[in-house]
N, C-alpha and C. Protein backbone atom coordinates (compact mmCIF):
# COMPACT_ATOMS: atom_id res chain seq x y z
N MET A 1 46.01 1.95 14.33
CA MET A 1 44.90 0.96 14.53
C MET A 1 44.03 1.26 13.25
N SER A 2 43.68 0.19 12.60
CA SER A 2 42.71 0.30 11.48
C SER A 2 41.24 0.24 11.82
N PHE A 3 40.50 0.53 10.92
CA PHE A 3 39.00 0.53 11.20
C PHE A 3 38.52 -0.87 11.63
N LEU A 4 39.11 -1.88 11.00
CA LEU A 4 38.74 -3.35 11.33
C LEU A 4 39.14 -3.66 12.86
N ASP A 5 40.08 -2.96 13.36
CA ASP A 5 40.53 -3.34 14.83
C ASP A 5 39.70 -2.60 15.74
N GLN A 6 38.79 -1.74 15.35
CA GLN A 6 38.02 -1.09 16.30
C GLN A 6 36.64 -1.96 16.65
N GLN A 7 35.80 -1.49 17.51
CA GLN A 7 34.66 -2.26 17.90
C GLN A 7 33.47 -1.99 17.16
N TYR A 8 33.54 -1.37 16.01
CA TYR A 8 32.34 -1.02 15.20
C TYR A 8 32.51 -1.45 13.73
N ARG A 9 31.45 -1.80 13.14
CA ARG A 9 31.35 -2.22 11.73
C ARG A 9 30.31 -1.46 11.01
N GLU A 10 30.68 -1.05 9.74
CA GLU A 10 29.66 -0.47 8.85
C GLU A 10 29.10 -1.62 7.90
N ILE A 11 27.75 -1.75 7.84
CA ILE A 11 27.27 -2.70 7.10
C ILE A 11 26.36 -1.97 6.08
N ILE A 12 26.37 -2.28 4.85
CA ILE A 12 25.60 -1.79 3.72
C ILE A 12 24.34 -2.78 3.52
N THR A 13 23.15 -2.17 3.82
CA THR A 13 22.02 -3.14 3.77
C THR A 13 20.77 -2.41 3.00
N LYS A 14 19.84 -3.25 2.66
CA LYS A 14 18.65 -2.58 2.05
C LYS A 14 17.71 -2.45 3.23
N ALA A 15 17.05 -1.21 3.27
CA ALA A 15 16.26 -0.80 4.30
C ALA A 15 15.07 0.15 3.82
N VAL A 16 14.11 0.33 4.62
CA VAL A 16 13.10 1.45 4.28
C VAL A 16 13.92 2.73 4.61
N THR A 17 13.96 3.54 3.48
CA THR A 17 14.70 4.76 3.54
C THR A 17 13.79 6.03 3.37
N GLY A 18 12.49 5.80 3.18
CA GLY A 18 11.57 6.85 3.14
C GLY A 18 10.14 6.24 3.28
N LYS A 19 9.17 7.20 3.93
CA LYS A 19 7.81 6.74 4.11
C LYS A 19 7.04 8.02 3.88
N GLY A 20 5.63 7.73 3.38
CA GLY A 20 4.76 8.87 3.25
C GLY A 20 3.30 8.35 3.14
N ARG A 21 2.47 9.15 3.36
CA ARG A 21 0.88 8.68 3.45
C ARG A 21 0.19 9.88 2.84
N LYS A 22 -0.74 9.60 2.00
CA LYS A 22 -1.66 10.60 1.36
C LYS A 22 -3.04 10.21 1.39
N PHE A 23 -4.03 10.94 1.91
CA PHE A 23 -5.46 10.84 1.58
C PHE A 23 -5.96 11.91 0.61
N THR A 24 -6.70 11.39 -0.32
CA THR A 24 -7.10 12.29 -1.42
C THR A 24 -8.78 12.16 -1.58
N LYS A 25 -9.31 13.32 -1.83
CA LYS A 25 -10.80 13.42 -2.20
C LYS A 25 -10.90 14.00 -3.56
N ASP A 26 -11.52 13.40 -4.37
CA ASP A 26 -11.68 13.95 -5.89
C ASP A 26 -13.18 14.06 -6.16
N THR A 27 -13.54 14.93 -6.99
CA THR A 27 -14.81 14.94 -7.57
C THR A 27 -14.60 14.59 -9.14
N ASN A 28 -15.27 13.45 -9.57
CA ASN A 28 -15.26 13.16 -10.88
C ASN A 28 -16.61 13.50 -11.53
N THR A 29 -16.53 13.80 -12.83
CA THR A 29 -17.78 14.22 -13.51
C THR A 29 -18.06 13.11 -14.48
N ILE A 30 -19.13 12.49 -14.47
CA ILE A 30 -19.46 11.31 -15.51
C ILE A 30 -20.70 11.91 -16.38
N THR A 31 -20.55 11.63 -17.61
CA THR A 31 -21.49 11.94 -18.55
C THR A 31 -22.53 10.80 -18.78
N ALA A 32 -23.79 10.85 -18.60
CA ALA A 32 -24.65 9.87 -18.80
C ALA A 32 -25.44 10.10 -20.24
N ASP A 33 -25.96 9.20 -20.70
CA ASP A 33 -26.69 9.26 -22.11
C ASP A 33 -27.88 10.12 -21.90
N HIS A 34 -28.53 10.01 -20.86
CA HIS A 34 -29.86 10.83 -20.80
C HIS A 34 -29.77 11.64 -19.35
N ARG A 35 -30.67 12.60 -19.37
CA ARG A 35 -30.71 13.50 -18.18
C ARG A 35 -31.24 12.65 -17.01
N PRO A 36 -30.42 12.38 -15.92
CA PRO A 36 -30.82 11.59 -14.79
C PRO A 36 -32.06 12.25 -14.10
N SER A 37 -32.94 11.47 -13.60
CA SER A 37 -34.10 11.90 -12.76
C SER A 37 -33.64 11.62 -11.30
N SER A 38 -33.00 10.56 -10.97
CA SER A 38 -32.43 10.19 -9.66
C SER A 38 -31.27 9.16 -9.77
N ILE A 39 -30.48 9.11 -8.78
CA ILE A 39 -29.32 8.33 -8.73
C ILE A 39 -29.60 6.99 -7.95
N LEU A 40 -29.55 5.66 -8.46
CA LEU A 40 -29.97 4.65 -7.80
C LEU A 40 -28.86 3.89 -7.19
N GLY A 41 -27.51 4.19 -7.70
CA GLY A 41 -26.43 3.55 -7.02
C GLY A 41 -25.18 3.96 -7.63
N CYS A 42 -24.03 3.82 -7.06
CA CYS A 42 -22.72 4.28 -7.59
C CYS A 42 -21.71 3.33 -6.88
N TRP A 43 -20.82 2.72 -7.80
CA TRP A 43 -19.74 1.91 -7.27
C TRP A 43 -18.57 2.12 -8.04
N ILE A 44 -17.34 1.73 -7.46
CA ILE A 44 -16.03 1.86 -8.18
C ILE A 44 -15.44 0.40 -8.24
N ILE A 45 -14.96 0.19 -9.38
CA ILE A 45 -14.38 -1.25 -9.58
C ILE A 45 -13.07 -1.04 -10.41
N ASN A 46 -12.27 -2.18 -10.50
CA ASN A 46 -11.19 -2.29 -11.35
C ASN A 46 -10.09 -1.36 -11.11
N HIS A 47 -9.82 -1.16 -9.89
CA HIS A 47 -8.62 -0.19 -9.45
C HIS A 47 -7.30 -0.79 -9.72
N HIS A 48 -6.43 -0.06 -10.52
CA HIS A 48 -5.09 -0.45 -10.79
C HIS A 48 -4.17 0.77 -10.58
N TYR A 49 -2.97 0.55 -10.23
CA TYR A 49 -2.08 1.67 -9.98
C TYR A 49 -0.61 1.17 -9.92
N HIS A 50 0.22 2.06 -10.21
CA HIS A 50 1.75 1.67 -10.00
C HIS A 50 2.39 2.92 -9.42
N ALA A 51 3.37 2.69 -8.60
CA ALA A 51 4.14 3.93 -8.03
C ALA A 51 5.62 4.07 -8.43
N LYS A 52 6.10 5.23 -8.54
CA LYS A 52 7.44 5.44 -8.80
C LYS A 52 8.04 6.71 -8.08
N LEU A 53 9.33 6.55 -7.81
CA LEU A 53 9.91 7.73 -7.09
C LEU A 53 10.03 8.90 -8.04
N ALA A 54 9.65 10.02 -7.55
CA ALA A 54 9.66 11.33 -8.44
C ALA A 54 10.57 12.40 -7.75
N GLY A 55 11.92 12.28 -7.93
CA GLY A 55 12.74 13.20 -7.18
C GLY A 55 13.09 12.41 -5.87
N LYS A 56 13.71 13.27 -5.05
CA LYS A 56 14.17 12.63 -3.68
C LYS A 56 13.16 12.66 -2.58
N ASP A 57 12.02 13.43 -2.82
CA ASP A 57 11.19 13.71 -1.68
C ASP A 57 9.70 13.46 -1.95
N LYS A 58 9.51 12.62 -3.10
CA LYS A 58 8.01 12.33 -3.18
C LYS A 58 7.96 11.02 -4.06
N VAL A 59 6.73 10.57 -4.03
CA VAL A 59 6.38 9.32 -4.87
C VAL A 59 5.08 9.75 -5.69
N GLU A 60 5.07 9.34 -6.87
CA GLU A 60 3.91 9.51 -7.92
C GLU A 60 3.28 8.17 -7.91
N ILE A 61 1.97 8.30 -7.71
CA ILE A 61 1.13 7.07 -7.90
C ILE A 61 0.26 7.29 -9.03
N HIS A 62 0.25 6.59 -10.16
CA HIS A 62 -0.44 6.73 -11.31
C HIS A 62 -1.57 5.47 -11.22
N GLY A 63 -2.73 5.81 -11.41
CA GLY A 63 -3.83 4.83 -11.42
C GLY A 63 -4.98 5.15 -12.12
N LYS A 64 -5.90 4.10 -12.15
CA LYS A 64 -7.20 4.30 -12.82
C LYS A 64 -8.21 3.34 -12.18
N TYR A 65 -9.53 3.71 -12.34
CA TYR A 65 -10.62 2.93 -11.68
C TYR A 65 -11.74 3.31 -12.70
N ASP A 66 -12.74 2.36 -12.57
CA ASP A 66 -14.05 2.40 -13.35
C ASP A 66 -15.04 2.99 -12.30
N VAL A 67 -15.80 4.02 -12.76
CA VAL A 67 -16.89 4.42 -11.96
C VAL A 67 -18.33 3.92 -12.69
N ASN A 68 -18.98 3.33 -11.94
CA ASN A 68 -20.30 2.86 -12.49
C ASN A 68 -21.46 3.58 -11.73
N VAL A 69 -22.33 4.27 -12.54
CA VAL A 69 -23.46 5.14 -11.99
C VAL A 69 -24.70 4.50 -12.52
N TRP A 70 -25.58 3.97 -11.52
CA TRP A 70 -26.94 3.45 -11.97
C TRP A 70 -27.89 4.53 -11.75
N TYR A 71 -28.52 5.00 -12.85
CA TYR A 71 -29.53 6.01 -12.60
C TYR A 71 -30.88 5.84 -13.30
N ALA A 72 -31.92 6.56 -12.84
CA ALA A 72 -33.19 6.51 -13.45
C ALA A 72 -33.28 7.82 -14.33
N PHE A 73 -34.04 7.65 -15.41
CA PHE A 73 -34.25 8.83 -16.25
C PHE A 73 -35.69 8.71 -16.79
N ASN A 74 -36.20 9.88 -17.54
CA ASN A 74 -37.56 9.80 -18.10
C ASN A 74 -38.49 9.71 -17.17
N ASP A 75 -38.35 10.75 -16.16
CA ASP A 75 -39.25 10.75 -14.93
C ASP A 75 -39.39 9.39 -14.07
N ASN A 76 -38.16 8.86 -13.86
CA ASN A 76 -37.98 7.48 -13.18
C ASN A 76 -38.70 6.40 -13.75
N SER A 77 -38.81 6.43 -15.05
CA SER A 77 -39.50 5.26 -15.69
C SER A 77 -38.65 4.26 -16.40
N LYS A 78 -37.34 4.64 -16.57
CA LYS A 78 -36.44 3.76 -17.15
C LYS A 78 -35.09 3.86 -16.35
N THR A 79 -34.21 2.98 -16.42
CA THR A 79 -32.79 2.88 -15.87
C THR A 79 -31.73 2.57 -16.74
N GLU A 80 -30.55 3.01 -16.35
CA GLU A 80 -29.37 2.68 -17.13
C GLU A 80 -28.17 2.78 -16.22
N VAL A 81 -27.16 2.08 -16.72
CA VAL A 81 -25.88 2.14 -15.88
C VAL A 81 -24.96 2.80 -17.00
N VAL A 82 -24.15 3.76 -16.46
CA VAL A 82 -23.15 4.49 -17.19
C VAL A 82 -21.73 4.08 -16.53
N SER A 83 -20.76 3.96 -17.29
CA SER A 83 -19.47 3.43 -16.82
C SER A 83 -18.41 4.34 -17.46
N GLU A 84 -17.41 4.85 -16.66
CA GLU A 84 -16.39 5.70 -17.23
C GLU A 84 -15.10 5.31 -16.41
N THR A 85 -13.88 5.28 -17.12
CA THR A 85 -12.68 5.00 -16.50
C THR A 85 -12.09 6.44 -16.11
N VAL A 86 -11.65 6.55 -14.89
CA VAL A 86 -11.04 7.83 -14.37
C VAL A 86 -9.62 7.48 -14.17
N GLU A 87 -8.70 8.39 -14.63
CA GLU A 87 -7.27 8.33 -14.40
C GLU A 87 -6.88 9.38 -13.29
N TYR A 88 -5.86 9.07 -12.53
CA TYR A 88 -5.40 10.04 -11.54
C TYR A 88 -3.90 9.81 -11.32
N CYS A 89 -3.30 10.84 -10.69
CA CYS A 89 -1.84 10.83 -10.34
C CYS A 89 -1.89 11.64 -8.99
N ASP A 90 -1.42 10.74 -7.97
CA ASP A 90 -1.31 11.40 -6.52
C ASP A 90 0.16 11.47 -6.32
N LYS A 91 0.58 12.74 -5.83
CA LYS A 91 1.83 12.94 -5.39
C LYS A 91 2.02 12.84 -3.91
N VAL A 92 2.70 11.74 -3.45
CA VAL A 92 2.79 11.58 -2.20
C VAL A 92 4.09 12.05 -1.45
N PRO A 93 4.22 13.05 -0.71
CA PRO A 93 5.37 13.41 -0.18
C PRO A 93 6.02 12.51 0.97
N LEU A 94 7.22 12.34 0.91
CA LEU A 94 7.97 11.50 2.04
C LEU A 94 8.13 12.35 3.22
N THR A 95 7.38 11.94 4.23
CA THR A 95 7.59 12.75 5.45
C THR A 95 8.70 12.24 6.24
N ILE A 96 9.09 10.98 6.13
CA ILE A 96 10.22 10.34 6.79
C ILE A 96 11.17 9.96 5.63
N ARG A 97 12.39 10.53 5.61
CA ARG A 97 13.50 10.31 4.63
C ARG A 97 14.82 10.14 5.33
N ASP A 98 15.44 9.04 4.80
CA ASP A 98 16.85 8.69 5.30
C ASP A 98 17.81 9.50 4.36
N LYS A 99 18.61 10.50 5.02
CA LYS A 99 19.43 11.37 4.18
C LYS A 99 20.72 10.63 3.90
N ASN A 100 20.86 9.45 4.47
CA ASN A 100 22.16 8.65 4.33
C ASN A 100 21.96 7.49 3.26
N ASN A 101 21.10 7.78 2.39
CA ASN A 101 20.81 6.72 1.32
C ASN A 101 21.99 6.63 0.45
N ILE A 102 22.51 5.38 0.13
CA ILE A 102 23.60 5.14 -0.80
C ILE A 102 23.02 4.94 -2.09
N GLY A 103 23.57 5.55 -3.13
CA GLY A 103 23.26 5.32 -4.53
C GLY A 103 21.87 5.82 -4.84
N ASP A 104 21.53 5.61 -6.29
CA ASP A 104 20.28 6.28 -6.63
C ASP A 104 19.14 5.20 -6.98
N GLU A 105 19.55 4.00 -6.87
CA GLU A 105 18.43 2.84 -7.08
C GLU A 105 17.54 2.67 -5.88
N ALA A 106 16.27 2.67 -6.12
CA ALA A 106 15.39 2.50 -5.03
C ALA A 106 14.19 1.74 -5.58
N TYR A 107 13.57 1.08 -4.71
CA TYR A 107 12.25 0.27 -5.08
C TYR A 107 11.15 1.05 -4.13
N VAL A 108 10.03 1.24 -4.88
CA VAL A 108 8.85 1.84 -4.25
C VAL A 108 7.81 0.92 -3.97
N HIS A 109 7.30 0.79 -2.83
CA HIS A 109 6.05 -0.13 -2.42
C HIS A 109 5.10 0.87 -2.03
N ALA A 110 3.97 0.70 -2.78
CA ALA A 110 2.75 1.49 -2.34
C ALA A 110 1.66 0.39 -1.89
N LYS A 111 0.98 0.82 -0.84
CA LYS A 111 -0.08 0.05 -0.13
C LYS A 111 -1.23 0.83 -0.14
N VAL A 112 -2.55 0.36 -0.62
CA VAL A 112 -3.70 1.06 -0.47
C VAL A 112 -4.28 0.93 1.00
N ILE A 113 -4.58 2.07 1.62
CA ILE A 113 -4.98 1.98 2.90
C ILE A 113 -6.56 2.07 2.77
N GLN A 114 -7.08 2.90 1.79
CA GLN A 114 -8.46 2.98 1.41
C GLN A 114 -8.60 2.90 0.01
N GLN A 115 -9.19 1.78 -0.53
CA GLN A 115 -9.49 1.75 -1.96
C GLN A 115 -10.42 2.91 -2.40
N PRO A 116 -10.44 3.18 -3.56
CA PRO A 116 -11.34 4.32 -4.07
C PRO A 116 -12.68 4.06 -3.70
N ASN A 117 -13.39 4.82 -3.15
CA ASN A 117 -14.71 4.72 -2.63
C ASN A 117 -15.53 5.89 -2.88
N CYS A 118 -16.79 5.61 -3.23
CA CYS A 118 -17.86 6.72 -3.51
C CYS A 118 -18.41 7.22 -2.27
N LEU A 119 -18.09 8.62 -2.04
CA LEU A 119 -18.69 9.05 -0.89
C LEU A 119 -20.03 9.62 -1.20
N GLU A 120 -20.18 10.27 -2.27
CA GLU A 120 -21.56 10.95 -2.70
C GLU A 120 -21.70 10.86 -4.22
N CYS A 121 -22.82 10.70 -4.67
CA CYS A 121 -23.15 10.76 -6.09
C CYS A 121 -24.41 11.63 -6.26
N SER A 122 -24.19 12.69 -7.12
CA SER A 122 -25.28 13.60 -7.25
C SER A 122 -25.42 14.03 -8.63
N ILE A 123 -26.64 14.54 -9.07
CA ILE A 123 -26.85 15.02 -10.29
C ILE A 123 -26.48 16.49 -10.60
N ALA A 124 -25.63 16.81 -11.57
CA ALA A 124 -25.32 18.11 -11.86
C ALA A 124 -26.52 19.10 -12.13
N GLU A 125 -26.42 20.33 -12.03
CA GLU A 125 -27.46 21.20 -12.33
C GLU A 125 -27.94 21.27 -13.65
N LYS A 126 -26.92 21.07 -14.52
CA LYS A 126 -27.25 21.21 -16.08
C LYS A 126 -26.79 20.04 -16.78
N GLY A 127 -27.41 19.65 -17.85
CA GLY A 127 -27.04 18.58 -18.82
C GLY A 127 -27.10 17.16 -18.30
N ASN A 128 -26.35 16.38 -18.80
CA ASN A 128 -26.36 14.89 -18.40
C ASN A 128 -25.32 14.48 -17.45
N LYS A 129 -24.85 15.39 -16.64
CA LYS A 129 -23.72 15.03 -15.88
C LYS A 129 -24.12 14.68 -14.53
N VAL A 130 -23.15 13.62 -13.94
CA VAL A 130 -23.33 13.25 -12.52
C VAL A 130 -21.97 13.55 -11.88
N LYS A 131 -22.09 14.13 -10.58
CA LYS A 131 -20.80 14.26 -9.89
C LYS A 131 -20.65 13.19 -8.87
N VAL A 132 -19.40 12.71 -8.94
CA VAL A 132 -19.16 11.55 -7.94
C VAL A 132 -17.99 11.87 -7.22
N GLU A 133 -18.18 12.03 -5.86
CA GLU A 133 -17.11 12.34 -4.94
C GLU A 133 -16.39 11.07 -4.46
N VAL A 134 -15.21 10.92 -4.52
CA VAL A 134 -14.32 9.80 -4.36
C VAL A 134 -13.23 9.97 -3.32
N GLU A 135 -13.03 9.13 -2.44
CA GLU A 135 -11.85 9.21 -1.61
C GLU A 135 -10.82 7.92 -1.61
N ARG A 136 -9.58 8.20 -1.47
CA ARG A 136 -8.63 7.07 -1.48
C ARG A 136 -7.46 7.48 -0.75
N GLU A 137 -6.76 6.47 -0.27
CA GLU A 137 -5.53 6.73 0.73
C GLU A 137 -4.54 5.78 0.41
N PHE A 138 -3.22 6.18 0.32
CA PHE A 138 -2.06 5.27 0.09
C PHE A 138 -0.96 5.62 1.10
N LEU A 139 -0.26 4.45 1.47
CA LEU A 139 0.92 4.54 2.18
C LEU A 139 1.98 4.04 1.27
N VAL A 140 3.20 4.81 1.33
CA VAL A 140 4.34 4.30 0.34
C VAL A 140 5.49 4.22 1.16
N GLU A 141 6.39 3.33 0.80
CA GLU A 141 7.75 3.12 1.35
C GLU A 141 8.75 3.00 0.23
N VAL A 142 9.79 3.72 0.52
CA VAL A 142 10.89 3.55 -0.50
C VAL A 142 11.95 2.67 0.04
N ILE A 143 12.54 1.72 -0.57
CA ILE A 143 13.49 0.82 -0.09
C ILE A 143 14.72 0.96 -0.95
N GLY A 144 15.79 1.32 -0.16
CA GLY A 144 17.06 1.62 -0.93
C GLY A 144 18.30 1.03 0.06
N GLU A 145 19.39 1.32 -0.53
CA GLU A 145 20.55 0.84 0.29
C GLU A 145 21.00 1.95 1.31
N THR A 146 21.39 1.49 2.40
CA THR A 146 21.83 2.58 3.51
C THR A 146 22.96 1.74 4.36
N LYS A 147 23.60 2.66 5.10
CA LYS A 147 24.68 2.16 5.93
C LYS A 147 24.33 2.11 7.29
N VAL A 148 24.46 0.90 8.01
CA VAL A 148 24.20 0.75 9.48
C VAL A 148 25.53 0.39 10.12
N VAL A 149 25.70 1.10 11.27
CA VAL A 149 27.05 0.94 12.08
C VAL A 149 26.56 0.00 13.25
N VAL A 150 27.35 -1.12 13.49
CA VAL A 150 26.87 -2.00 14.66
C VAL A 150 28.23 -2.16 15.41
N LYS A 151 27.96 -2.31 16.77
CA LYS A 151 29.15 -2.54 17.61
C LYS A 151 29.43 -4.09 17.67
N VAL A 152 30.77 -4.30 17.58
CA VAL A 152 31.35 -5.74 17.61
C VAL A 152 31.63 -6.13 19.07
N ASP A 153 31.09 -7.39 19.50
CA ASP A 153 31.48 -7.70 20.77
C ASP A 153 32.97 -8.52 20.68
N PRO A 154 33.95 -8.02 21.24
CA PRO A 154 35.22 -8.66 21.05
C PRO A 154 35.25 -10.04 21.62
N LYS A 155 34.43 -10.38 22.60
CA LYS A 155 34.34 -11.63 23.29
C LYS A 155 33.19 -12.35 22.90
N GLY A 156 32.71 -12.10 21.68
CA GLY A 156 31.54 -12.82 21.09
C GLY A 156 31.88 -14.31 21.05
N LYS A 157 30.88 -15.03 21.20
CA LYS A 157 30.91 -16.57 21.05
C LYS A 157 30.39 -17.09 19.76
N VAL A 158 31.25 -17.90 19.16
CA VAL A 158 30.93 -18.54 17.98
C VAL A 158 30.41 -19.87 18.33
N HIS A 159 29.02 -20.16 17.91
CA HIS A 159 28.36 -21.40 18.25
C HIS A 159 28.84 -22.52 17.28
N ASP A 160 28.98 -23.61 17.77
CA ASP A 160 29.25 -24.84 17.03
C ASP A 160 27.96 -25.47 16.65
N ASP A 161 27.96 -26.15 15.34
CA ASP A 161 26.68 -26.64 15.06
C ASP A 161 26.13 -27.82 16.07
N GLU A 162 27.26 -28.46 16.72
CA GLU A 162 26.92 -29.49 17.74
C GLU A 162 26.14 -28.91 19.03
N GLU A 163 26.25 -27.65 19.23
CA GLU A 163 25.54 -27.16 20.44
C GLU A 163 24.04 -26.93 20.10
N TRP A 164 23.68 -26.91 18.87
CA TRP A 164 22.27 -26.71 18.47
C TRP A 164 21.71 -28.23 18.32
N ASP A 165 21.62 -28.94 19.38
CA ASP A 165 21.02 -30.50 19.10
C ASP A 165 19.60 -30.24 19.15
N LEU A 166 19.00 -30.57 17.92
CA LEU A 166 17.63 -30.28 17.80
C LEU A 166 16.94 -31.73 17.61
N GLU A 167 17.47 -32.66 18.02
CA GLU A 167 16.91 -34.01 17.91
C GLU A 167 16.13 -34.29 19.22
N ILE A 168 14.94 -34.95 19.12
CA ILE A 168 14.16 -35.25 20.39
C ILE A 168 14.55 -36.66 20.97
N SER A 169 14.82 -36.73 22.28
CA SER A 169 15.11 -37.87 22.81
C SER A 169 13.96 -38.84 22.99
N ASP A 170 14.14 -40.12 23.30
CA ASP A 170 13.12 -41.05 23.57
C ASP A 170 12.28 -40.57 24.79
N GLU A 171 12.90 -40.07 25.84
CA GLU A 171 12.30 -39.54 26.98
C GLU A 171 11.44 -38.46 26.79
N GLU A 172 11.81 -37.35 25.83
CA GLU A 172 10.98 -36.25 25.44
C GLU A 172 9.79 -36.68 24.67
N PHE A 173 10.07 -37.79 23.81
CA PHE A 173 8.94 -38.17 22.86
C PHE A 173 7.93 -38.74 23.73
N ASP A 174 8.19 -39.49 24.75
CA ASP A 174 7.18 -40.14 25.67
C ASP A 174 6.43 -39.11 26.40
N GLU A 175 6.90 -37.90 26.62
CA GLU A 175 6.24 -36.98 27.45
C GLU A 175 5.32 -36.09 26.54
N LEU A 176 5.36 -36.32 25.21
CA LEU A 176 4.57 -35.43 24.38
C LEU A 176 3.11 -35.70 24.80
N ASP A 177 2.18 -34.63 24.64
CA ASP A 177 0.77 -34.79 24.86
C ASP A 177 0.16 -34.94 23.54
N THR A 178 -0.37 -36.18 23.30
CA THR A 178 -1.00 -36.44 21.97
C THR A 178 -2.32 -35.98 22.00
N ASP A 179 -2.93 -35.58 23.02
CA ASP A 179 -4.35 -35.05 22.95
C ASP A 179 -4.44 -33.50 22.98
N PHE A 180 -3.39 -32.90 22.57
CA PHE A 180 -3.43 -31.45 22.48
C PHE A 180 -4.44 -30.83 21.44
N LEU A 181 -4.89 -31.60 20.52
CA LEU A 181 -5.92 -31.21 19.51
C LEU A 181 -7.24 -31.79 19.97
N ASN A 182 -8.22 -30.82 20.14
CA ASN A 182 -9.45 -31.19 20.73
C ASN A 182 -10.29 -31.57 19.46
N GLU A 183 -11.12 -32.60 19.49
CA GLU A 183 -11.84 -33.00 18.44
C GLU A 183 -12.92 -31.97 18.05
N ASP A 184 -13.38 -31.15 19.00
CA ASP A 184 -14.39 -30.19 18.82
C ASP A 184 -13.92 -29.01 18.02
N ASP A 185 -12.58 -28.79 17.88
CA ASP A 185 -12.01 -27.56 17.26
C ASP A 185 -12.09 -27.69 15.83
């Protein structure tokens, strides 16, 4: 009896073969042109990233964002905005991993759960430095080829196209409710 005579089949398909999630808190140091008297605002913009598989058990996310700090200086008599680009590399461990992955080719999909966000912005004790505490979170999925085993129904029915009659009859057409849309909606 050959494998094809049995009631199971192996199917090779693309599927999620690994998953991971990582939350990160960083403290970035931004250099201002003047010694800040007070912080008036801080925001993060222009977040860009890309992800790649790094070995069998982790994904590396390389990214960057701009940190903008609005601060007062000269005894709160003048204001200025300083902007710096911050680069990062997050290593996301794959907590779920399919060991039956076939081949080495894989596609990595990374999704931002929490965009980089300023938690706290404070003036450093010395110099023209501002400390910015940032949080971010990613979910990653690795998509690769794997093998799935399915049971075959030996008495399975093959449907003819004629059995799937999708045309509407005159009788069914007459029964349609044409007032199903309310004008107030």
